[in-house]
Amino acid sequence: MNKTFSLLFFIKKNKIRTKGIAPIYLRITIEGKIADIDAKRYIDLSA
């Protein structure tokens, strides 16, 4: 039985912190079921 999955890293711009950094999230999709996980990493949006 084959299953499809995908991994997508994305930035949550609606959760920007005071220093202009935003959290990076990981979205895992398996057979149409989605789970968003906080990657515990941040990116500086001013760069």
N, C-alpha and C. Protein backbone atom coordinates (compact mmCIF):
# COMPACT_ATOMS: atom_id res chain seq x y z
N MET A 1 0.84 -1.18 0.00
CA MET A 1 0.00 0.00 0.00
C MET A 1 0.89 1.25 0.00
N ASN A 2 0.73 2.11 -1.00
CA ASN A 2 1.50 3.34 -1.10
C ASN A 2 0.80 4.48 -0.39
N LYS A 3 1.58 5.33 0.27
CA LYS A 3 1.04 6.53 0.91
C LYS A 3 1.82 7.73 0.38
N THR A 4 1.11 8.82 0.23
CA THR A 4 1.78 10.05 -0.22
C THR A 4 1.99 10.96 0.98
N PHE A 5 3.11 11.70 0.93
CA PHE A 5 3.37 12.66 1.99
C PHE A 5 4.15 13.84 1.41
N SER A 6 4.10 14.96 2.12
CA SER A 6 4.89 16.11 1.72
C SER A 6 5.34 16.87 2.96
N LEU A 7 6.46 17.57 2.82
CA LEU A 7 7.01 18.41 3.88
C LEU A 7 7.14 19.82 3.33
N LEU A 8 6.71 20.81 4.11
CA LEU A 8 6.78 22.20 3.68
C LEU A 8 7.20 23.07 4.86
N PHE A 9 8.29 23.81 4.70
CA PHE A 9 8.70 24.77 5.71
C PHE A 9 8.12 26.12 5.31
N PHE A 10 7.54 26.85 6.29
CA PHE A 10 6.98 28.16 5.98
C PHE A 10 7.13 29.09 7.17
N ILE A 11 7.03 30.39 6.90
CA ILE A 11 7.18 31.43 7.92
C ILE A 11 5.80 31.92 8.33
N LYS A 12 5.57 32.00 9.64
CA LYS A 12 4.30 32.53 10.14
C LYS A 12 4.45 34.03 10.35
N LYS A 13 4.12 34.81 9.34
CA LYS A 13 4.29 36.26 9.40
C LYS A 13 3.31 36.93 10.36
N ASN A 14 2.23 36.25 10.72
CA ASN A 14 1.29 36.84 11.67
C ASN A 14 1.76 36.69 13.12
N LYS A 15 2.91 36.07 13.34
CA LYS A 15 3.47 35.90 14.69
C LYS A 15 4.85 36.56 14.80
N ILE A 16 5.03 37.70 14.13
CA ILE A 16 6.31 38.40 14.16
C ILE A 16 6.57 38.93 15.57
N ARG A 17 7.78 38.73 16.05
CA ARG A 17 8.18 39.21 17.37
C ARG A 17 8.68 40.65 17.29
N THR A 18 8.93 41.24 18.45
CA THR A 18 9.29 42.66 18.52
C THR A 18 10.59 42.99 17.80
N LYS A 19 11.51 42.07 17.72
CA LYS A 19 12.79 42.31 17.05
C LYS A 19 12.72 42.09 15.54
N GLY A 20 11.52 41.86 15.01
CA GLY A 20 11.36 41.65 13.57
C GLY A 20 11.69 40.24 13.12
N ILE A 21 11.62 39.29 14.04
CA ILE A 21 11.87 37.90 13.67
C ILE A 21 10.55 37.13 13.68
N ALA A 22 10.46 36.14 12.82
CA ALA A 22 9.24 35.34 12.70
C ALA A 22 9.59 33.86 12.83
N PRO A 23 8.68 33.06 13.40
CA PRO A 23 8.95 31.63 13.57
C PRO A 23 8.83 30.85 12.26
N ILE A 24 9.63 29.80 12.16
CA ILE A 24 9.56 28.89 11.02
C ILE A 24 8.78 27.65 11.46
N TYR A 25 7.82 27.25 10.65
CA TYR A 25 6.99 26.08 10.94
C TYR A 25 7.20 25.02 9.87
N LEU A 26 6.91 23.80 10.23
CA LEU A 26 6.97 22.67 9.31
C LEU A 26 5.56 22.10 9.17
N ARG A 27 5.10 21.97 7.93
CA ARG A 27 3.79 21.36 7.67
C ARG A 27 4.02 19.99 7.07
N ILE A 28 3.50 18.97 7.74
CA ILE A 28 3.58 17.59 7.25
C ILE A 28 2.19 17.18 6.78
N THR A 29 2.11 16.69 5.56
CA THR A 29 0.84 16.21 5.01
C THR A 29 1.00 14.75 4.63
N ILE A 30 0.16 13.90 5.22
CA ILE A 30 0.16 12.47 4.90
C ILE A 30 -1.26 12.08 4.55
N GLU A 31 -1.42 11.63 3.31
CA GLU A 31 -2.74 11.21 2.82
C GLU A 31 -3.81 12.27 3.08
N GLY A 32 -3.46 13.54 2.89
CA GLY A 32 -4.41 14.63 3.04
C GLY A 32 -4.59 15.15 4.46
N LYS A 33 -4.00 14.49 5.44
CA LYS A 33 -4.08 14.96 6.83
C LYS A 33 -2.89 15.87 7.11
N ILE A 34 -3.17 17.05 7.66
CA ILE A 34 -2.14 18.07 7.84
C ILE A 34 -1.81 18.25 9.31
N ALA A 35 -0.50 18.41 9.59
CA ALA A 35 -0.03 18.72 10.94
C ALA A 35 1.01 19.83 10.82
N ASP A 36 0.82 20.92 11.57
CA ASP A 36 1.80 22.01 11.62
C ASP A 36 2.61 21.88 12.89
N ILE A 37 3.94 21.96 12.76
CA ILE A 37 4.84 21.79 13.90
C ILE A 37 5.79 22.99 13.94
N ASP A 38 5.95 23.56 15.14
CA ASP A 38 6.90 24.65 15.34
C ASP A 38 8.31 24.09 15.24
N ALA A 39 9.13 24.65 14.34
CA ALA A 39 10.50 24.16 14.15
C ALA A 39 11.46 24.70 15.21
N LYS A 40 10.97 25.56 16.09
CA LYS A 40 11.80 26.17 17.15
C LYS A 40 12.97 26.96 16.57
N ARG A 41 12.77 27.51 15.37
CA ARG A 41 13.77 28.34 14.71
C ARG A 41 13.09 29.64 14.25
N TYR A 42 13.88 30.71 14.16
CA TYR A 42 13.35 32.01 13.76
C TYR A 42 14.18 32.57 12.62
N ILE A 43 13.56 33.47 11.85
CA ILE A 43 14.26 34.12 10.75
C ILE A 43 14.06 35.62 10.86
N ASP A 44 15.12 36.37 10.58
CA ASP A 44 15.07 37.82 10.60
C ASP A 44 14.47 38.30 9.28
N LEU A 45 13.31 38.95 9.34
CA LEU A 45 12.62 39.37 8.13
C LEU A 45 13.23 40.62 7.50
N SER A 46 14.08 41.33 8.23
CA SER A 46 14.68 42.54 7.69
C SER A 46 15.88 42.23 6.80
N ALA A 47 16.35 41.00 6.82
CA ALA A 47 17.55 40.64 6.04
C ALA A 47 17.21 40.43 4.58
